[in-house]
């Protein structure tokens, strides 16, 4: 995924991290459409996708680790789901083992 070059100057790492931290503050409302587990995992997937899009900018700002920590705090009880998600991205060379030392790969 490539970010829009016109957005490069507008990227604010602190605000991005705050936005990630605010993801779990949305309320689970629509029990008719999905379960609470699906809602939590959807939140994590959205957060991960945002980090992927802005990974280079986060690296430049030296805030990638802060973004990963914010992802881990979104729904701590879904750490295994997050780990699997990030492990797949490591295998695709989006992130490195050095960037995700808490992820163990087989």
C-alpha atoms as a PDB file:
ATOM      1  CA  UNK A   1       0.000   0.000   0.000  1.00  0.00           C
ATOM      2  CA  UNK A   2       1.334   3.391  -0.888  1.00  0.00           C
ATOM      3  CA  UNK A   3       0.355   6.520   0.917  1.00  0.00           C
ATOM      4  CA  UNK A   4      -0.671   9.594  -1.007  1.00  0.00           C
ATOM      5  CA  UNK A   5       2.406  11.888  -1.350  1.00  0.00           C
ATOM      6  CA  UNK A   6       0.249  14.938  -0.662  1.00  0.00           C
ATOM      7  CA  UNK A   7      -0.536  13.445   2.759  1.00  0.00           C
ATOM      8  CA  UNK A   8       3.153  13.084   3.635  1.00  0.00           C
ATOM      9  CA  UNK A   9       3.447  16.583   5.103  1.00  0.00           C
ATOM     10  CA  UNK A  10       0.176  16.237   7.005  1.00  0.00           C
ATOM     11  CA  UNK A  11       1.135  13.096   8.920  1.00  0.00           C
ATOM     12  CA  UNK A  12       1.287  13.743  12.653  1.00  0.00           C
ATOM     13  CA  UNK A  13       2.770  10.750  14.512  1.00  0.00           C
ATOM     14  CA  UNK A  14       1.445  11.807  17.931  1.00  0.00           C
ATOM     15  CA  UNK A  15      -2.081  12.183  16.630  1.00  0.00           C
ATOM     16  CA  UNK A  16      -1.829   8.880  14.749  1.00  0.00           C
ATOM     17  CA  UNK A  17      -0.818   7.066  17.961  1.00  0.00           C
ATOM     18  CA  UNK A  18      -3.628   8.785  19.886  1.00  0.00           C
ATOM     19  CA  UNK A  19      -6.117   7.719  17.211  1.00  0.00           C
ATOM     20  CA  UNK A  20      -4.938   4.103  17.573  1.00  0.00           C
ATOM     21  CA  UNK A  21      -5.377   4.337  21.346  1.00  0.00           C
ATOM     22  CA  UNK A  22      -8.922   5.631  20.872  1.00  0.00           C
ATOM     23  CA  UNK A  23     -10.057   2.679  18.737  1.00  0.00           C
ATOM     24  CA  UNK A  24     -11.339   0.601  21.686  1.00  0.00           C
ATOM     25  CA  UNK A  25     -13.372   3.536  22.978  1.00  0.00           C
ATOM     26  CA  UNK A  26     -15.981   2.898  20.311  1.00  0.00           C
ATOM     27  CA  UNK A  27     -18.868   0.932  21.756  1.00  0.00           C
ATOM     28  CA  UNK A  28     -19.984  -2.513  20.680  1.00  0.00           C
ATOM     29  CA  UNK A  29     -23.523  -1.868  19.464  1.00  0.00           C
ATOM     30  CA  UNK A  30     -24.689  -4.054  16.635  1.00  0.00           C
ATOM     31  CA  UNK A  31     -25.240  -7.537  18.081  1.00  0.00           C
ATOM     32  CA  UNK A  32     -27.473  -8.324  15.109  1.00  0.00           C
ATOM     33  CA  UNK A  33     -24.602  -8.041  12.619  1.00  0.00           C
ATOM     34  CA  UNK A  34     -21.594  -9.451  14.453  1.00  0.00           C
ATOM     35  CA  UNK A  35     -20.376 -10.841  17.751  1.00  0.00           C
ATOM     36  CA  UNK A  36     -18.302  -8.915  20.249  1.00  0.00           C
ATOM     37  CA  UNK A  37     -15.261 -11.035  19.292  1.00  0.00           C
ATOM     38  CA  UNK A  38     -15.737 -10.075  15.626  1.00  0.00           C
ATOM     39  CA  UNK A  39     -16.031  -6.422  16.677  1.00  0.00           C
ATOM     40  CA  UNK A  40     -12.780  -6.573  18.708  1.00  0.00           C
ATOM     41  CA  UNK A  41     -10.926  -8.319  15.896  1.00  0.00           C
ATOM     42  CA  UNK A  42     -12.288  -5.822  13.383  1.00  0.00           C
ATOM     43  CA  UNK A  43     -10.902  -3.019  15.545  1.00  0.00           C
ATOM     44  CA  UNK A  44      -7.494  -4.680  15.577  1.00  0.00           C
ATOM     45  CA  UNK A  45      -7.550  -5.329  11.838  1.00  0.00           C
ATOM     46  CA  UNK A  46      -8.367  -1.672  11.175  1.00  0.00           C
ATOM     47  CA  UNK A  47      -5.541  -0.573  13.461  1.00  0.00           C
ATOM     48  CA  UNK A  48      -3.037  -2.914  11.806  1.00  0.00           C
ATOM     49  CA  UNK A  49      -4.069  -1.738   8.325  1.00  0.00           C
ATOM     50  CA  UNK A  50      -3.500   1.875   9.365  1.00  0.00           C
ATOM     51  CA  UNK A  51      -0.046   1.050  10.734  1.00  0.00           C
ATOM     52  CA  UNK A  52       0.837  -0.747   7.476  1.00  0.00           C
ATOM     53  CA  UNK A  53      -0.195   2.283   5.400  1.00  0.00           C
ATOM     54  CA  UNK A  54       1.891   4.651   7.523  1.00  0.00           C
ATOM     55  CA  UNK A  55       4.743   2.277   8.452  1.00  0.00           C
ATOM     56  CA  UNK A  56       7.413   4.262   6.602  1.00  0.00           C
ATOM     57  CA  UNK A  57       6.320   7.536   8.194  1.00  0.00           C
ATOM     58  CA  UNK A  58       6.242   5.895  11.618  1.00  0.00           C
ATOM     59  CA  UNK A  59       9.751   4.530  11.044  1.00  0.00           C
ATOM     60  CA  UNK A  60      11.005   7.978   9.999  1.00  0.00           C
ATOM     61  CA  UNK A  61       9.482   9.524  13.121  1.00  0.00           C
ATOM     62  CA  UNK A  62      10.829   6.640  15.230  1.00  0.00           C
ATOM     63  CA  UNK A  63       7.294   5.923  16.456  1.00  0.00           C
ATOM     64  CA  UNK A  64       6.667   2.460  14.985  1.00  0.00           C
ATOM     65  CA  UNK A  65       7.187   0.794  18.373  1.00  0.00           C
ATOM     66  CA  UNK A  66       4.690   3.204  19.924  1.00  0.00           C
ATOM     67  CA  UNK A  67       2.178   2.208  17.261  1.00  0.00           C
ATOM     68  CA  UNK A  68       2.715  -1.497  17.988  1.00  0.00           C
ATOM     69  CA  UNK A  69       2.278  -0.876  21.715  1.00  0.00           C
ATOM     70  CA  UNK A  70      -0.951   1.013  21.021  1.00  0.00           C
ATOM     71  CA  UNK A  71      -2.171  -1.945  18.929  1.00  0.00           C
ATOM     72  CA  UNK A  72      -1.415  -4.302  21.808  1.00  0.00           C
ATOM     73  CA  UNK A  73      -3.476  -2.127  24.152  1.00  0.00           C
ATOM     74  CA  UNK A  74      -6.577  -1.943  21.931  1.00  0.00           C
ATOM     75  CA  UNK A  75      -7.944  -5.295  23.130  1.00  0.00           C
ATOM     76  CA  UNK A  76      -5.343  -7.079  25.306  1.00  0.00           C
ATOM     77  CA  UNK A  77      -7.459 -10.244  25.401  1.00  0.00           C
ATOM     78  CA  UNK A  78      -7.013 -10.537  21.610  1.00  0.00           C
ATOM     79  CA  UNK A  79      -3.189 -10.561  21.756  1.00  0.00           C
ATOM     80  CA  UNK A  80      -3.020 -13.954  20.019  1.00  0.00           C
ATOM     81  CA  UNK A  81      -5.133 -12.700  17.096  1.00  0.00           C
ATOM     82  CA  UNK A  82      -2.907  -9.611  16.816  1.00  0.00           C
ATOM     83  CA  UNK A  83       0.249 -11.735  17.002  1.00  0.00           C
ATOM     84  CA  UNK A  84      -0.952 -13.987  14.155  1.00  0.00           C
ATOM     85  CA  UNK A  85      -1.876 -10.939  12.077  1.00  0.00           C
ATOM     86  CA  UNK A  86       1.542  -9.305  12.573  1.00  0.00           C
ATOM     87  CA  UNK A  87       3.385 -12.588  12.048  1.00  0.00           C
ATOM     88  CA  UNK A  88       1.775 -12.859   8.600  1.00  0.00           C
ATOM     89  CA  UNK A  89       2.974  -9.337   7.810  1.00  0.00           C
ATOM     90  CA  UNK A  90       6.506 -10.272   8.897  1.00  0.00           C
ATOM     91  CA  UNK A  91       6.430 -13.212   6.491  1.00  0.00           C
ATOM     92  CA  UNK A  92       5.458 -10.749   3.743  1.00  0.00           C
ATOM     93  CA  UNK A  93       8.402  -8.528   4.769  1.00  0.00           C
ATOM     94  CA  UNK A  94       6.196  -5.592   5.762  1.00  0.00           C
ATOM     95  CA  UNK A  95       7.770  -5.596   9.232  1.00  0.00           C
ATOM     96  CA  UNK A  96      11.032  -7.103  10.456  1.00  0.00           C
ATOM     97  CA  UNK A  97      11.790  -9.378  13.388  1.00  0.00           C
ATOM     98  CA  UNK A  98      13.744  -6.482  14.927  1.00  0.00           C
ATOM     99  CA  UNK A  99      10.617  -4.335  14.787  1.00  0.00           C
ATOM    100  CA  UNK A 100       8.498  -7.058  16.397  1.00  0.00           C
ATOM    101  CA  UNK A 101      10.762  -8.845  18.914  1.00  0.00           C
ATOM    102  CA  UNK A 102       7.744 -10.004  20.946  1.00  0.00           C
ATOM    103  CA  UNK A 103       6.489 -12.059  17.971  1.00  0.00           C
ATOM    104  CA  UNK A 104       7.902 -15.567  17.814  1.00  0.00           C
ATOM    105  CA  UNK A 105       7.878 -17.312  14.462  1.00  0.00           C
ATOM    106  CA  UNK A 106       8.253 -20.993  13.757  1.00  0.00           C
END
